[in-house]
N, C-alpha and C. Protein backbone atom coordinates (compact mmCIF):
# COMPACT_ATOMS: atom_id res chain seq x y z
N MET A 1 -9.77 -1.14 -8.72
CA MET A 1 -8.85 -2.20 -8.40
C MET A 1 -7.42 -1.71 -8.58
N GLY A 2 -6.55 -2.25 -7.80
CA GLY A 2 -5.16 -1.89 -7.91
C GLY A 2 -4.32 -2.79 -7.03
N LEU A 3 -3.03 -2.72 -7.26
CA LEU A 3 -2.08 -3.49 -6.46
C LEU A 3 -1.09 -2.51 -5.85
N PHE A 4 -0.97 -2.54 -4.53
CA PHE A 4 -0.08 -1.65 -3.81
C PHE A 4 1.05 -2.46 -3.20
N SER A 5 2.28 -1.97 -3.35
CA SER A 5 3.45 -2.68 -2.83
C SER A 5 3.87 -2.13 -1.47
N PHE A 6 4.37 -3.02 -0.63
CA PHE A 6 4.82 -2.69 0.71
C PHE A 6 6.15 -3.40 0.96
N ILE A 7 6.83 -3.02 2.03
CA ILE A 7 8.06 -3.71 2.40
C ILE A 7 7.68 -4.88 3.30
N LYS A 8 8.06 -6.08 2.87
CA LYS A 8 7.64 -7.31 3.54
C LYS A 8 8.11 -7.41 4.99
N ASN A 9 9.33 -6.98 5.27
CA ASN A 9 9.89 -7.17 6.60
C ASN A 9 9.76 -5.94 7.48
N ALA A 10 8.75 -5.14 7.21
CA ALA A 10 8.48 -3.96 8.04
C ALA A 10 7.01 -3.99 8.44
N GLY A 11 6.68 -3.30 9.47
CA GLY A 11 5.29 -3.21 9.89
C GLY A 11 5.02 -3.94 11.18
N GLU A 12 3.75 -3.96 11.54
CA GLU A 12 3.34 -4.59 12.79
C GLU A 12 3.48 -6.10 12.70
N LYS A 13 3.98 -6.68 13.77
CA LYS A 13 4.19 -8.13 13.81
C LYS A 13 2.95 -8.79 14.41
N ILE A 14 2.21 -9.52 13.57
CA ILE A 14 1.01 -10.21 14.06
C ILE A 14 1.05 -11.70 13.76
N PHE A 15 1.99 -12.13 12.91
CA PHE A 15 2.08 -13.53 12.55
C PHE A 15 3.16 -14.23 13.37
N GLY A 16 2.91 -15.51 13.67
CA GLY A 16 3.89 -16.30 14.41
C GLY A 16 4.81 -17.08 13.50
N GLY A 17 4.44 -17.24 12.24
CA GLY A 17 5.30 -17.93 11.29
C GLY A 17 4.76 -19.24 10.76
N SER A 18 3.81 -19.85 11.44
CA SER A 18 3.33 -21.15 10.98
C SER A 18 1.84 -21.15 10.63
N GLU A 19 1.26 -19.97 10.45
CA GLU A 19 -0.17 -19.89 10.17
C GLU A 19 -0.50 -20.31 8.73
N THR A 20 -1.69 -20.86 8.57
CA THR A 20 -2.22 -21.15 7.24
C THR A 20 -2.69 -19.83 6.64
N PRO A 21 -2.93 -19.78 5.33
CA PRO A 21 -3.47 -18.55 4.73
C PRO A 21 -4.79 -18.11 5.39
N GLU A 22 -5.63 -19.07 5.76
CA GLU A 22 -6.90 -18.74 6.41
C GLU A 22 -6.66 -18.11 7.78
N GLU A 23 -5.70 -18.64 8.53
CA GLU A 23 -5.38 -18.08 9.84
C GLU A 23 -4.79 -16.68 9.70
N LYS A 24 -3.94 -16.48 8.68
CA LYS A 24 -3.38 -15.15 8.44
C LYS A 24 -4.48 -14.16 8.09
N SER A 25 -5.43 -14.59 7.25
CA SER A 25 -6.56 -13.72 6.88
C SER A 25 -7.34 -13.30 8.12
N LYS A 26 -7.56 -14.27 9.02
CA LYS A 26 -8.30 -13.98 10.25
C LYS A 26 -7.51 -13.01 11.14
N LYS A 27 -6.20 -13.20 11.24
CA LYS A 27 -5.38 -12.31 12.08
C LYS A 27 -5.37 -10.89 11.51
N ILE A 28 -5.32 -10.77 10.18
CA ILE A 28 -5.36 -9.44 9.56
C ILE A 28 -6.69 -8.77 9.87
N SER A 29 -7.78 -9.50 9.74
CA SER A 29 -9.10 -8.97 10.05
C SER A 29 -9.18 -8.53 11.51
N GLU A 30 -8.67 -9.35 12.42
CA GLU A 30 -8.67 -9.00 13.84
C GLU A 30 -7.81 -7.76 14.11
N GLN A 31 -6.67 -7.65 13.43
CA GLN A 31 -5.79 -6.51 13.61
C GLN A 31 -6.48 -5.22 13.16
N LEU A 32 -7.13 -5.26 12.01
CA LEU A 32 -7.82 -4.07 11.53
C LEU A 32 -9.03 -3.73 12.38
N ALA A 33 -9.70 -4.75 12.92
CA ALA A 33 -10.83 -4.50 13.81
C ALA A 33 -10.37 -3.75 15.06
N LYS A 34 -9.15 -4.06 15.54
CA LYS A 34 -8.59 -3.35 16.70
C LYS A 34 -8.45 -1.86 16.43
N HIS A 35 -8.25 -1.51 15.15
CA HIS A 35 -8.09 -0.11 14.77
C HIS A 35 -9.43 0.58 14.58
N GLY A 36 -10.53 -0.14 14.78
CA GLY A 36 -11.84 0.49 14.75
C GLY A 36 -12.52 0.54 13.39
N PHE A 37 -12.00 -0.16 12.41
CA PHE A 37 -12.63 -0.15 11.09
C PHE A 37 -13.90 -1.01 11.10
N ASN A 38 -14.91 -0.58 10.34
CA ASN A 38 -16.12 -1.37 10.14
C ASN A 38 -15.80 -2.40 9.06
N LEU A 39 -15.63 -3.64 9.46
CA LEU A 39 -15.23 -4.71 8.54
C LEU A 39 -16.38 -5.66 8.22
N SER A 40 -17.61 -5.25 8.52
CA SER A 40 -18.75 -6.13 8.33
C SER A 40 -18.94 -6.54 6.86
N SER A 41 -18.49 -5.73 5.94
CA SER A 41 -18.65 -6.02 4.51
C SER A 41 -17.31 -6.22 3.81
N ILE A 42 -16.26 -6.54 4.58
CA ILE A 42 -14.91 -6.64 4.01
C ILE A 42 -14.31 -8.01 4.29
N ASN A 43 -13.65 -8.56 3.28
CA ASN A 43 -12.99 -9.86 3.39
C ASN A 43 -11.51 -9.73 3.08
N PHE A 44 -10.69 -10.52 3.77
CA PHE A 44 -9.26 -10.57 3.54
C PHE A 44 -8.90 -11.99 3.13
N THR A 45 -8.13 -12.10 2.05
CA THR A 45 -7.65 -13.40 1.58
C THR A 45 -6.14 -13.29 1.41
N VAL A 46 -5.40 -14.19 2.02
CA VAL A 46 -3.94 -14.18 1.92
C VAL A 46 -3.51 -15.23 0.91
N GLU A 47 -2.72 -14.78 -0.06
CA GLU A 47 -2.10 -15.67 -1.05
C GLU A 47 -0.60 -15.40 -1.01
N GLY A 48 0.14 -16.26 -0.35
CA GLY A 48 1.58 -16.05 -0.19
C GLY A 48 1.82 -14.82 0.67
N ASP A 49 2.49 -13.82 0.09
CA ASP A 49 2.80 -12.58 0.82
C ASP A 49 1.84 -11.45 0.44
N LYS A 50 0.79 -11.79 -0.30
CA LYS A 50 -0.18 -10.80 -0.78
C LYS A 50 -1.50 -10.95 -0.05
N VAL A 51 -2.13 -9.80 0.26
CA VAL A 51 -3.47 -9.78 0.84
C VAL A 51 -4.42 -9.23 -0.23
N ILE A 52 -5.49 -9.95 -0.45
CA ILE A 52 -6.54 -9.47 -1.35
C ILE A 52 -7.67 -8.96 -0.47
N VAL A 53 -8.03 -7.69 -0.64
CA VAL A 53 -9.07 -7.07 0.17
C VAL A 53 -10.27 -6.84 -0.73
N SER A 54 -11.41 -7.43 -0.35
CA SER A 54 -12.62 -7.31 -1.17
C SER A 54 -13.82 -6.95 -0.30
N GLY A 55 -14.87 -6.52 -0.95
CA GLY A 55 -16.09 -6.13 -0.26
C GLY A 55 -16.37 -4.66 -0.45
N GLN A 56 -17.06 -4.07 0.54
CA GLN A 56 -17.43 -2.66 0.45
C GLN A 56 -16.94 -1.88 1.67
N ALA A 57 -16.19 -0.82 1.38
CA ALA A 57 -15.76 0.11 2.43
C ALA A 57 -16.82 1.20 2.55
N GLU A 58 -16.91 1.80 3.73
CA GLU A 58 -17.90 2.86 3.96
C GLU A 58 -17.70 4.05 3.03
N ASN A 59 -16.42 4.48 2.87
CA ASN A 59 -16.11 5.66 2.05
C ASN A 59 -14.66 5.58 1.60
N ILE A 60 -14.23 6.55 0.81
CA ILE A 60 -12.87 6.52 0.25
C ILE A 60 -11.81 6.61 1.34
N ASP A 61 -12.07 7.39 2.39
CA ASP A 61 -11.08 7.50 3.47
C ASP A 61 -10.88 6.16 4.15
N ASP A 62 -11.98 5.49 4.49
CA ASP A 62 -11.87 4.17 5.13
C ASP A 62 -11.18 3.18 4.21
N LYS A 63 -11.52 3.22 2.92
CA LYS A 63 -10.90 2.30 1.96
C LYS A 63 -9.39 2.45 1.97
N GLN A 64 -8.90 3.66 1.84
CA GLN A 64 -7.47 3.89 1.77
C GLN A 64 -6.78 3.53 3.09
N LYS A 65 -7.43 3.82 4.21
CA LYS A 65 -6.85 3.48 5.51
C LYS A 65 -6.78 1.96 5.68
N ILE A 66 -7.80 1.25 5.26
CA ILE A 66 -7.82 -0.21 5.37
C ILE A 66 -6.70 -0.81 4.53
N LEU A 67 -6.55 -0.33 3.30
CA LEU A 67 -5.50 -0.85 2.42
C LEU A 67 -4.11 -0.58 3.01
N ALA A 68 -3.89 0.63 3.51
CA ALA A 68 -2.58 0.98 4.08
C ALA A 68 -2.30 0.17 5.34
N THR A 69 -3.29 0.01 6.19
CA THR A 69 -3.09 -0.73 7.43
C THR A 69 -2.83 -2.21 7.15
N ALA A 70 -3.56 -2.79 6.20
CA ALA A 70 -3.35 -4.20 5.84
C ALA A 70 -1.96 -4.43 5.28
N GLY A 71 -1.43 -3.47 4.55
CA GLY A 71 -0.11 -3.61 3.95
C GLY A 71 1.03 -3.34 4.91
N ASN A 72 0.75 -2.61 5.96
CA ASN A 72 1.79 -2.30 6.95
C ASN A 72 1.82 -3.35 8.04
N ILE A 73 1.80 -4.60 7.63
CA ILE A 73 1.92 -5.75 8.52
C ILE A 73 3.14 -6.54 8.07
N GLU A 74 3.99 -6.89 9.01
CA GLU A 74 5.20 -7.64 8.67
C GLU A 74 4.81 -8.96 8.00
N GLY A 75 5.48 -9.26 6.89
CA GLY A 75 5.21 -10.48 6.14
C GLY A 75 4.33 -10.25 4.93
N ILE A 76 3.78 -9.06 4.80
CA ILE A 76 2.92 -8.72 3.65
C ILE A 76 3.71 -7.79 2.73
N ASP A 77 3.79 -8.16 1.44
CA ASP A 77 4.52 -7.29 0.51
C ASP A 77 3.63 -6.63 -0.53
N SER A 78 2.34 -6.99 -0.57
CA SER A 78 1.44 -6.31 -1.49
C SER A 78 -0.01 -6.49 -1.04
N VAL A 79 -0.82 -5.52 -1.43
CA VAL A 79 -2.25 -5.55 -1.16
C VAL A 79 -2.97 -5.33 -2.47
N GLU A 80 -3.83 -6.28 -2.81
CA GLU A 80 -4.64 -6.16 -4.02
C GLU A 80 -6.01 -5.63 -3.63
N ASP A 81 -6.39 -4.52 -4.22
CA ASP A 81 -7.61 -3.80 -3.87
C ASP A 81 -8.77 -4.24 -4.77
N HIS A 82 -9.78 -4.85 -4.14
CA HIS A 82 -11.03 -5.20 -4.81
C HIS A 82 -12.21 -4.58 -4.07
N LEU A 83 -11.93 -3.49 -3.35
CA LEU A 83 -12.98 -2.84 -2.57
C LEU A 83 -13.81 -1.90 -3.42
N THR A 84 -15.11 -1.88 -3.17
CA THR A 84 -15.98 -0.86 -3.74
C THR A 84 -16.40 0.04 -2.59
N LEU A 85 -17.10 1.11 -2.90
CA LEU A 85 -17.50 2.07 -1.88
C LEU A 85 -19.01 2.04 -1.65
N LYS A 86 -19.42 2.05 -0.38
CA LYS A 86 -20.84 2.18 -0.05
C LYS A 86 -21.30 3.59 -0.35
N THR A 87 -20.44 4.57 -0.05
CA THR A 87 -20.73 5.97 -0.33
C THR A 87 -19.93 6.37 -1.55
N PRO A 88 -20.59 6.55 -2.70
CA PRO A 88 -19.84 6.86 -3.92
C PRO A 88 -19.12 8.20 -3.84
N LEU A 89 -18.04 8.30 -4.61
CA LEU A 89 -17.29 9.56 -4.67
C LEU A 89 -18.14 10.62 -5.35
N LYS A 90 -18.05 11.82 -4.83
CA LYS A 90 -18.73 12.95 -5.47
C LYS A 90 -17.89 13.50 -6.61
N ILE A 91 -16.58 13.29 -6.52
CA ILE A 91 -15.67 13.72 -7.58
C ILE A 91 -14.81 12.53 -7.96
N GLU A 92 -14.32 12.53 -9.15
CA GLU A 92 -13.42 11.47 -9.59
C GLU A 92 -11.99 11.83 -9.21
N ILE A 93 -11.29 10.89 -8.64
CA ILE A 93 -9.87 11.06 -8.38
C ILE A 93 -9.16 10.35 -9.52
N PRO A 94 -8.42 11.08 -10.36
CA PRO A 94 -7.84 10.47 -11.56
C PRO A 94 -6.98 9.24 -11.30
N ASN A 95 -6.14 9.28 -10.27
CA ASN A 95 -5.29 8.13 -9.97
C ASN A 95 -5.30 7.93 -8.47
N ILE A 96 -6.13 7.02 -8.02
CA ILE A 96 -6.32 6.82 -6.59
C ILE A 96 -5.03 6.46 -5.87
N SER A 97 -4.07 5.85 -6.57
CA SER A 97 -2.81 5.49 -5.91
C SER A 97 -2.02 6.72 -5.50
N LYS A 98 -2.35 7.88 -6.02
CA LYS A 98 -1.68 9.12 -5.61
C LYS A 98 -2.01 9.47 -4.16
N THR A 99 -2.99 8.80 -3.58
CA THR A 99 -3.34 9.08 -2.20
C THR A 99 -2.55 8.21 -1.22
N MET A 100 -1.59 7.44 -1.74
CA MET A 100 -0.72 6.63 -0.90
C MET A 100 0.70 7.18 -1.03
N TYR A 101 1.42 7.20 0.07
CA TYR A 101 2.79 7.71 0.09
C TYR A 101 3.68 6.71 0.82
N THR A 102 4.77 6.32 0.19
CA THR A 102 5.73 5.42 0.82
C THR A 102 6.82 6.25 1.49
N VAL A 103 6.96 6.08 2.80
CA VAL A 103 7.93 6.84 3.59
C VAL A 103 9.35 6.46 3.16
N LYS A 104 10.17 7.49 2.97
CA LYS A 104 11.58 7.30 2.62
C LYS A 104 12.45 7.67 3.83
N SER A 105 13.68 7.21 3.83
CA SER A 105 14.62 7.53 4.89
C SER A 105 14.76 9.05 4.99
N GLY A 106 14.68 9.58 6.19
CA GLY A 106 14.80 11.02 6.40
C GLY A 106 13.47 11.76 6.37
N ASP A 107 12.38 11.06 6.03
CA ASP A 107 11.06 11.69 6.00
C ASP A 107 10.53 11.95 7.40
N SER A 108 9.72 12.96 7.51
CA SER A 108 8.92 13.24 8.69
C SER A 108 7.54 13.62 8.17
N LEU A 109 6.56 13.63 9.04
CA LEU A 109 5.23 14.01 8.57
C LEU A 109 5.20 15.43 8.05
N SER A 110 5.96 16.33 8.68
CA SER A 110 5.98 17.71 8.19
C SER A 110 6.67 17.80 6.83
N LYS A 111 7.70 17.01 6.60
CA LYS A 111 8.37 16.99 5.30
C LYS A 111 7.42 16.44 4.22
N ILE A 112 6.68 15.41 4.56
CA ILE A 112 5.72 14.84 3.62
C ILE A 112 4.60 15.85 3.34
N ALA A 113 4.12 16.53 4.39
CA ALA A 113 3.07 17.54 4.21
C ALA A 113 3.54 18.67 3.30
N LYS A 114 4.80 19.08 3.45
CA LYS A 114 5.33 20.12 2.57
C LYS A 114 5.36 19.64 1.12
N GLU A 115 5.74 18.37 0.93
CA GLU A 115 5.81 17.81 -0.42
C GLU A 115 4.43 17.67 -1.07
N VAL A 116 3.45 17.18 -0.31
CA VAL A 116 2.15 16.92 -0.93
C VAL A 116 1.17 18.09 -0.85
N TYR A 117 1.26 18.91 0.20
CA TYR A 117 0.34 20.03 0.35
C TYR A 117 1.00 21.39 0.15
N GLY A 118 2.35 21.42 0.14
CA GLY A 118 3.05 22.68 0.02
C GLY A 118 3.19 23.42 1.35
N ASP A 119 2.80 22.80 2.46
CA ASP A 119 2.83 23.44 3.77
C ASP A 119 3.17 22.40 4.84
N PRO A 120 4.36 22.52 5.47
CA PRO A 120 4.75 21.52 6.48
C PRO A 120 3.84 21.52 7.71
N MET A 121 3.15 22.62 7.95
CA MET A 121 2.29 22.70 9.13
C MET A 121 0.97 21.92 8.96
N LYS A 122 0.78 21.34 7.79
CA LYS A 122 -0.43 20.52 7.56
C LYS A 122 -0.19 19.05 7.89
N TYR A 123 0.92 18.75 8.58
CA TYR A 123 1.22 17.36 8.95
C TYR A 123 0.11 16.71 9.79
N PRO A 124 -0.65 17.48 10.63
CA PRO A 124 -1.70 16.81 11.41
C PRO A 124 -2.77 16.15 10.52
N ILE A 125 -2.97 16.66 9.30
CA ILE A 125 -3.95 16.05 8.39
C ILE A 125 -3.53 14.61 8.10
N ILE A 126 -2.24 14.42 7.83
CA ILE A 126 -1.72 13.08 7.52
C ILE A 126 -1.75 12.22 8.78
N PHE A 127 -1.34 12.79 9.90
CA PHE A 127 -1.33 12.03 11.16
C PHE A 127 -2.74 11.54 11.51
N GLU A 128 -3.72 12.42 11.46
CA GLU A 128 -5.09 12.05 11.82
C GLU A 128 -5.66 11.01 10.87
N ALA A 129 -5.30 11.12 9.58
CA ALA A 129 -5.82 10.18 8.59
C ALA A 129 -5.25 8.78 8.77
N ASN A 130 -4.10 8.66 9.43
CA ASN A 130 -3.45 7.37 9.59
C ASN A 130 -3.54 6.82 11.01
N LYS A 131 -4.36 7.46 11.85
CA LYS A 131 -4.62 6.93 13.18
C LYS A 131 -5.62 5.80 13.02
N PRO A 132 -5.61 4.80 13.77
CA PRO A 132 -4.74 4.52 14.90
C PRO A 132 -3.47 3.78 14.51
N MET A 133 -3.23 3.56 13.20
CA MET A 133 -1.99 2.91 12.78
C MET A 133 -0.79 3.70 13.29
N LEU A 134 -0.85 5.04 13.18
CA LEU A 134 0.20 5.90 13.74
C LEU A 134 -0.22 6.31 15.15
N LYS A 135 0.66 6.11 16.07
CA LYS A 135 0.35 6.46 17.46
C LYS A 135 1.04 7.76 17.89
N HIS A 136 2.07 8.18 17.15
CA HIS A 136 2.80 9.41 17.46
C HIS A 136 3.34 9.99 16.16
N GLU A 137 3.36 11.32 16.07
CA GLU A 137 3.79 12.00 14.84
C GLU A 137 5.22 11.66 14.43
N ASP A 138 6.07 11.32 15.39
CA ASP A 138 7.48 11.05 15.08
C ASP A 138 7.78 9.58 14.84
N LYS A 139 6.77 8.73 14.88
CA LYS A 139 6.99 7.28 14.76
C LYS A 139 6.57 6.77 13.39
N ILE A 140 7.34 7.13 12.36
CA ILE A 140 7.15 6.57 11.03
C ILE A 140 8.48 5.94 10.62
N TYR A 141 8.43 5.03 9.67
CA TYR A 141 9.65 4.33 9.28
C TYR A 141 9.70 4.17 7.76
N PRO A 142 10.91 4.11 7.20
CA PRO A 142 11.05 3.93 5.76
C PRO A 142 10.33 2.66 5.29
N GLY A 143 9.60 2.79 4.20
CA GLY A 143 8.86 1.68 3.64
C GLY A 143 7.41 1.65 4.08
N GLN A 144 7.08 2.36 5.15
CA GLN A 144 5.70 2.41 5.60
C GLN A 144 4.88 3.16 4.56
N VAL A 145 3.68 2.70 4.30
CA VAL A 145 2.80 3.36 3.33
C VAL A 145 1.72 4.10 4.10
N LEU A 146 1.62 5.39 3.85
CA LEU A 146 0.65 6.24 4.53
C LEU A 146 -0.45 6.67 3.56
N TYR A 147 -1.63 6.82 4.09
CA TYR A 147 -2.76 7.38 3.33
C TYR A 147 -2.66 8.89 3.37
N ILE A 148 -2.73 9.52 2.21
CA ILE A 148 -2.66 10.99 2.12
C ILE A 148 -4.03 11.48 1.66
N PRO A 149 -4.82 12.04 2.59
CA PRO A 149 -6.15 12.52 2.20
C PRO A 149 -6.09 13.79 1.39
N GLN A 150 -7.12 14.04 0.62
CA GLN A 150 -7.24 15.30 -0.09
C GLN A 150 -7.48 16.39 0.95
N GLU A 151 -6.98 17.58 0.70
CA GLU A 151 -7.15 18.68 1.65
C GLU A 151 -8.60 19.03 1.85
């Protein structure tokens, strides 16, 4: 479990402004379904500007992608993680939040790859891990939260 912070006024615009929490939960689920995630065992609950994600993700990669995609929606400022994994980890990751990176002004995927992997040419690893949320390597923005997979 954990709580991840996002920038409320950044991200994909899917809300019209007058939705109930239940309608927002449904729109978030529909948005993530468009990205191809298996959401059969996942629930979204909206409380104010926070999304609570519960259920079972297929694996750690899907879990982190779902959390990042849910938080990168305009109007959402935090995601509370209550997801478990269908496929258990073979190794323990000491601090799972280290697999999330908040984009800063002036960042590029190659700059982030150099910071986290020590090699700017490993930017495709980050790009591929964040598809389909990312549609182009140069289209990232400050405040966006990206999933950083282990090498």
